[in-house]
C-alpha atoms as a PDB file:
ATOM      1  CA  MET A   1     -79.327 -58.355 -37.992  1.00  0.00           C
ATOM      2  CA  PHE A   2     -75.737 -57.583 -37.258  1.00  0.00           C
ATOM      3  CA  LEU A   3     -75.444 -55.954 -33.875  1.00  0.00           C
ATOM      4  CA  THR A   4     -71.757 -54.639 -32.914  1.00  0.00           C
ATOM      5  CA  GLU A   5     -70.729 -53.449 -29.230  1.00  0.00           C
ATOM      6  CA  HIS A   6     -69.526 -49.749 -29.430  1.00  0.00           C
ATOM      7  CA  PRO A   7     -66.278 -49.385 -27.544  1.00  0.00           C
ATOM      8  CA  ARG A   8     -65.985 -48.208 -24.812  1.00  0.00           C
ATOM      9  CA  GLU A   9     -64.460 -45.140 -22.886  1.00  0.00           C
ATOM     10  CA  GLU A  10     -62.361 -44.781 -19.733  1.00  0.00           C
ATOM     11  CA  LYS A  11     -60.863 -41.769 -18.814  1.00  0.00           C
ATOM     12  CA  GLY A  12     -60.840 -40.750 -22.438  1.00  0.00           C
ATOM     13  CA  GLN A  13     -59.165 -43.434 -24.011  1.00  0.00           C
ATOM     14  CA  THR A  14     -61.150 -46.277 -26.029  1.00  0.00           C
ATOM     15  CA  ILE A  15     -60.783 -49.645 -25.229  1.00  0.00           C
ATOM     16  CA  ILE A  16     -61.282 -52.241 -27.865  1.00  0.00           C
ATOM     17  CA  ASN A  17     -61.598 -55.890 -27.214  1.00  0.00           C
ATOM     18  CA  MET A  18     -60.010 -58.166 -29.687  1.00  0.00           C
ATOM     19  CA  TRP A  19     -62.166 -61.145 -29.312  1.00  0.00           C
ATOM     20  CA  GLU A  20     -65.365 -58.907 -30.299  1.00  0.00           C
ATOM     21  CA  ARG A  21     -63.808 -57.632 -33.794  1.00  0.00           C
ATOM     22  CA  THR A  22     -63.751 -60.861 -35.613  1.00  0.00           C
ATOM     23  CA  GLY A  23     -66.119 -59.891 -38.523  1.00  0.00           C
ATOM     24  CA  TRP A  24     -65.618 -58.335 -41.839  1.00  0.00           C
ATOM     25  CA  GLY A  25     -64.937 -54.673 -42.028  1.00  0.00           C
ATOM     26  CA  ASN A  26     -64.854 -54.774 -38.045  1.00  0.00           C
ATOM     27  CA  SER A  27     -61.600 -56.367 -37.074  1.00  0.00           C
ATOM     28  CA  VAL A  28     -58.572 -56.042 -34.810  1.00  0.00           C
ATOM     29  CA  GLN A  29     -55.541 -58.614 -35.040  1.00  0.00           C
ATOM     30  CA  PHE A  30     -51.930 -58.831 -34.358  1.00  0.00           C
ATOM     31  CA  THR A  31     -49.863 -59.258 -37.478  1.00  0.00           C
ATOM     32  CA  ASP A  32     -46.639 -59.655 -35.916  1.00  0.00           C
ATOM     33  CA  TYR A  33     -46.650 -60.212 -31.924  1.00  0.00           C
ATOM     34  CA  ASP A  34     -43.269 -59.799 -31.278  1.00  0.00           C
ATOM     35  CA  LYS A  35     -42.800 -56.113 -33.078  1.00  0.00           C
ATOM     36  CA  GLY A  36     -46.697 -55.033 -31.627  1.00  0.00           C
ATOM     37  CA  SER A  37     -47.799 -54.834 -34.611  1.00  0.00           C
ATOM     38  CA  ILE A  38     -51.758 -54.793 -35.154  1.00  0.00           C
ATOM     39  CA  SER A  39     -53.885 -53.834 -37.851  1.00  0.00           C
ATOM     40  CA  GLY A  40     -57.750 -54.290 -38.792  1.00  0.00           C
ATOM     41  CA  HIS A  41     -60.761 -52.151 -40.095  1.00  0.00           C
ATOM     42  CA  LEU A  42     -62.672 -49.993 -37.817  1.00  0.00           C
ATOM     43  CA  SER A  43     -65.599 -47.692 -37.944  1.00  0.00           C
ATOM     44  CA  VAL A  44     -64.081 -45.720 -35.049  1.00  0.00           C
ATOM     45  CA  ARG A  45     -60.607 -43.935 -35.015  1.00  0.00           C
ATOM     46  CA  LEU A  46     -58.127 -45.045 -32.789  1.00  0.00           C
ATOM     47  CA  LYS A  47     -55.630 -42.702 -31.691  1.00  0.00           C
ATOM     48  CA  ILE A  48     -52.470 -43.125 -29.336  1.00  0.00           C
ATOM     49  CA  GLY A  49     -53.077 -44.149 -25.920  1.00  0.00           C
ATOM     50  CA  ASP A  50     -56.135 -46.212 -26.737  1.00  0.00           C
ATOM     51  CA  GLU A  51     -55.780 -49.878 -25.145  1.00  0.00           C
ATOM     52  CA  VAL A  52     -56.472 -52.994 -27.259  1.00  0.00           C
ATOM     53  CA  ARG A  53     -57.028 -56.433 -24.853  1.00  0.00           C
ATOM     54  CA  SER A  54     -56.737 -59.634 -25.809  1.00  0.00           C
ATOM     55  CA  LYS A  55     -57.159 -63.177 -24.747  1.00  0.00           C
ATOM     56  CA  MET A  56     -53.789 -64.665 -23.824  1.00  0.00           C
ATOM     57  CA  GLN A  57     -53.130 -68.603 -23.872  1.00  0.00           C
ATOM     58  CA  SER A  58     -52.839 -68.383 -19.938  1.00  0.00           C
ATOM     59  CA  GLY A  59     -56.557 -67.343 -19.825  1.00  0.00           C
ATOM     60  CA  LYS A  60     -55.780 -63.729 -18.758  1.00  0.00           C
ATOM     61  CA  ILE A  61     -56.678 -60.782 -20.571  1.00  0.00           C
ATOM     62  CA  GLY A  62     -53.355 -58.619 -22.042  1.00  0.00           C
ATOM     63  CA  ARG A  63     -53.909 -55.261 -22.127  1.00  0.00           C
ATOM     64  CA  PHE A  64     -51.814 -53.461 -25.307  1.00  0.00           C
ATOM     65  CA  LYS A  65     -51.434 -49.356 -25.455  1.00  0.00           C
ATOM     66  CA  ILE A  66     -50.872 -47.828 -29.085  1.00  0.00           C
ATOM     67  CA  ILE A  67     -47.911 -45.797 -29.306  1.00  0.00           C
ATOM     68  CA  ALA A  68     -48.135 -45.064 -32.874  1.00  0.00           C
ATOM     69  CA  HIS A  69     -50.644 -45.377 -35.728  1.00  0.00           C
ATOM     70  CA  ARG A  70     -51.473 -44.973 -39.563  1.00  0.00           C
ATOM     71  CA  GLN A  71     -55.154 -44.522 -40.583  1.00  0.00           C
ATOM     72  CA  CYS A  72     -55.609 -45.487 -44.497  1.00  0.00           C
ATOM     73  CA  HIS A  73     -57.385 -43.487 -46.952  1.00  0.00           C
ATOM     74  CA  ASP A  74     -58.676 -46.049 -48.939  1.00  0.00           C
ATOM     75  CA  PRO A  75     -60.380 -47.969 -47.441  1.00  0.00           C
ATOM     76  CA  SER A  76     -61.109 -45.288 -44.810  1.00  0.00           C
ATOM     77  CA  ASP A  77     -61.721 -47.751 -42.154  1.00  0.00           C
ATOM     78  CA  MET A  78     -58.273 -49.565 -42.308  1.00  0.00           C
ATOM     79  CA  PHE A  79     -55.571 -48.801 -39.799  1.00  0.00           C
ATOM     80  CA  PHE A  80     -52.184 -49.950 -39.034  1.00  0.00           C
ATOM     81  CA  ALA A  81     -50.696 -49.630 -35.287  1.00  0.00           C
ATOM     82  CA  THR A  82     -47.767 -50.241 -32.683  1.00  0.00           C
ATOM     83  CA  VAL A  83     -48.780 -51.322 -29.476  1.00  0.00           C
ATOM     84  CA  GLU A  84     -46.917 -51.906 -26.155  1.00  0.00           C
ATOM     85  CA  ALA A  85     -47.796 -54.431 -23.576  1.00  0.00           C
ATOM     86  CA  ILE A  86     -49.387 -52.646 -19.973  1.00  0.00           C
ATOM     87  CA  GLY A  87     -50.459 -55.736 -18.206  1.00  0.00           C
ATOM     88  CA  TYR A  88     -53.446 -58.092 -17.694  1.00  0.00           C
ATOM     89  CA  VAL A  89     -57.009 -56.639 -16.836  1.00  0.00           C
ATOM     90  CA  GLY A  90     -57.081 -56.721 -13.024  1.00  0.00           C
ATOM     91  CA  GLU A  91     -53.430 -56.146 -12.288  1.00  0.00           C
ATOM     92  CA  PRO A  92     -51.284 -53.249 -11.811  1.00  0.00           C
ATOM     93  CA  GLU A  93     -49.662 -52.051 -14.835  1.00  0.00           C
ATOM     94  CA  ILE A  94     -46.217 -53.230 -15.650  1.00  0.00           C
ATOM     95  CA  VAL A  95     -42.790 -51.097 -16.133  1.00  0.00           C
ATOM     96  CA  LYS A  96     -41.819 -50.092 -19.063  1.00  0.00           C
ATOM     97  CA  VAL A  97     -38.307 -52.096 -20.227  1.00  0.00           C
ATOM     98  CA  LYS A  98     -35.303 -50.549 -21.814  1.00  0.00           C
ATOM     99  CA  LYS A  99     -35.217 -51.919 -25.036  1.00  0.00           C
ATOM    100  CA  LYS A 100     -37.885 -51.261 -27.815  1.00  0.00           C
ATOM    101  CA  PHE A 101     -40.070 -54.291 -28.192  1.00  0.00           C
ATOM    102  CA  GLU A 102     -38.749 -56.408 -25.599  1.00  0.00           C
ATOM    103  CA  TRP A 103     -41.828 -56.048 -23.522  1.00  0.00           C
ATOM    104  CA  HIS A 104     -43.500 -59.314 -24.791  1.00  0.00           C
ATOM    105  CA  LYS A 105     -40.855 -61.137 -22.875  1.00  0.00           C
ATOM    106  CA  LEU A 106     -42.584 -59.838 -19.437  1.00  0.00           C
ATOM    107  CA  PHE A 107     -45.213 -61.984 -19.854  1.00  0.00           C
ATOM    108  CA  ASN A 108     -45.481 -65.625 -19.311  1.00  0.00           C
ATOM    109  CA  VAL A 109     -46.872 -66.722 -22.575  1.00  0.00           C
ATOM    110  CA  PHE A 110     -45.910 -65.369 -25.483  1.00  0.00           C
ATOM    111  CA  LYS A 111     -48.942 -65.482 -27.636  1.00  0.00           C
ATOM    112  CA  PRO A 112     -52.071 -64.479 -27.786  1.00  0.00           C
ATOM    113  CA  LYS A 113     -54.941 -67.391 -28.336  1.00  0.00           C
ATOM    114  CA  GLY A 114     -54.892 -68.849 -31.610  1.00  0.00           C
ATOM    115  CA  GLU A 115     -51.544 -67.285 -32.905  1.00  0.00           C
ATOM    116  CA  THR A 116     -48.335 -69.228 -33.958  1.00  0.00           C
ATOM    117  CA  ASN A 117     -45.324 -68.027 -35.015  1.00  0.00           C
ATOM    118  CA  GLY A 118     -46.440 -64.594 -35.749  1.00  0.00           C
ATOM    119  CA  SER A 119     -49.452 -65.800 -38.013  1.00  0.00           C
ATOM    120  CA  ILE A 120     -53.428 -65.472 -36.918  1.00  0.00           C
ATOM    121  CA  SER A 121     -55.267 -68.830 -36.881  1.00  0.00           C
ATOM    122  CA  SER A 122     -58.365 -68.740 -38.806  1.00  0.00           C
ATOM    123  CA  ASN A 123     -59.718 -71.535 -36.213  1.00  0.00           C
ATOM    124  CA  LYS A 124     -61.472 -68.638 -33.726  1.00  0.00           C
END
C-alpha cells in the first residue's frame, strides 16, 4: 500500500515539500534553479502564491513562492511553474530584489541538495 501525505494549507495557500514528492505521478523538482523553474506531477492543482519547500545544501529548508503556473492538459496532473525565493523556514521572509531572477544570490548556498549545474541528480 502506498500512502501519500496530503499537502498542508496555511492561510489559504498550499505548502508542498519537494522531498516528499519524488515518486511516479507525485513529484516536484527544479528544472532550472537559477531561473526558478520547477515542474512535476501532482494530484492537487497548485496556484500562484502557493509555497514549495526544498532542503538546501546548508541544511536549512528553503521556501519558494509560485509566481507563475501552467497546468498541462495531457497528462492533466503535470505542471510547470516559476518560483521566487522567500527565505528559509523559521526565518523572516527576504526582501524582493530589483532584478527579476537575482533572488537566488540571496541564499548562502546556491543549489538544493542533489542538484548540480541545473540538473537533478538521480541519487536521492
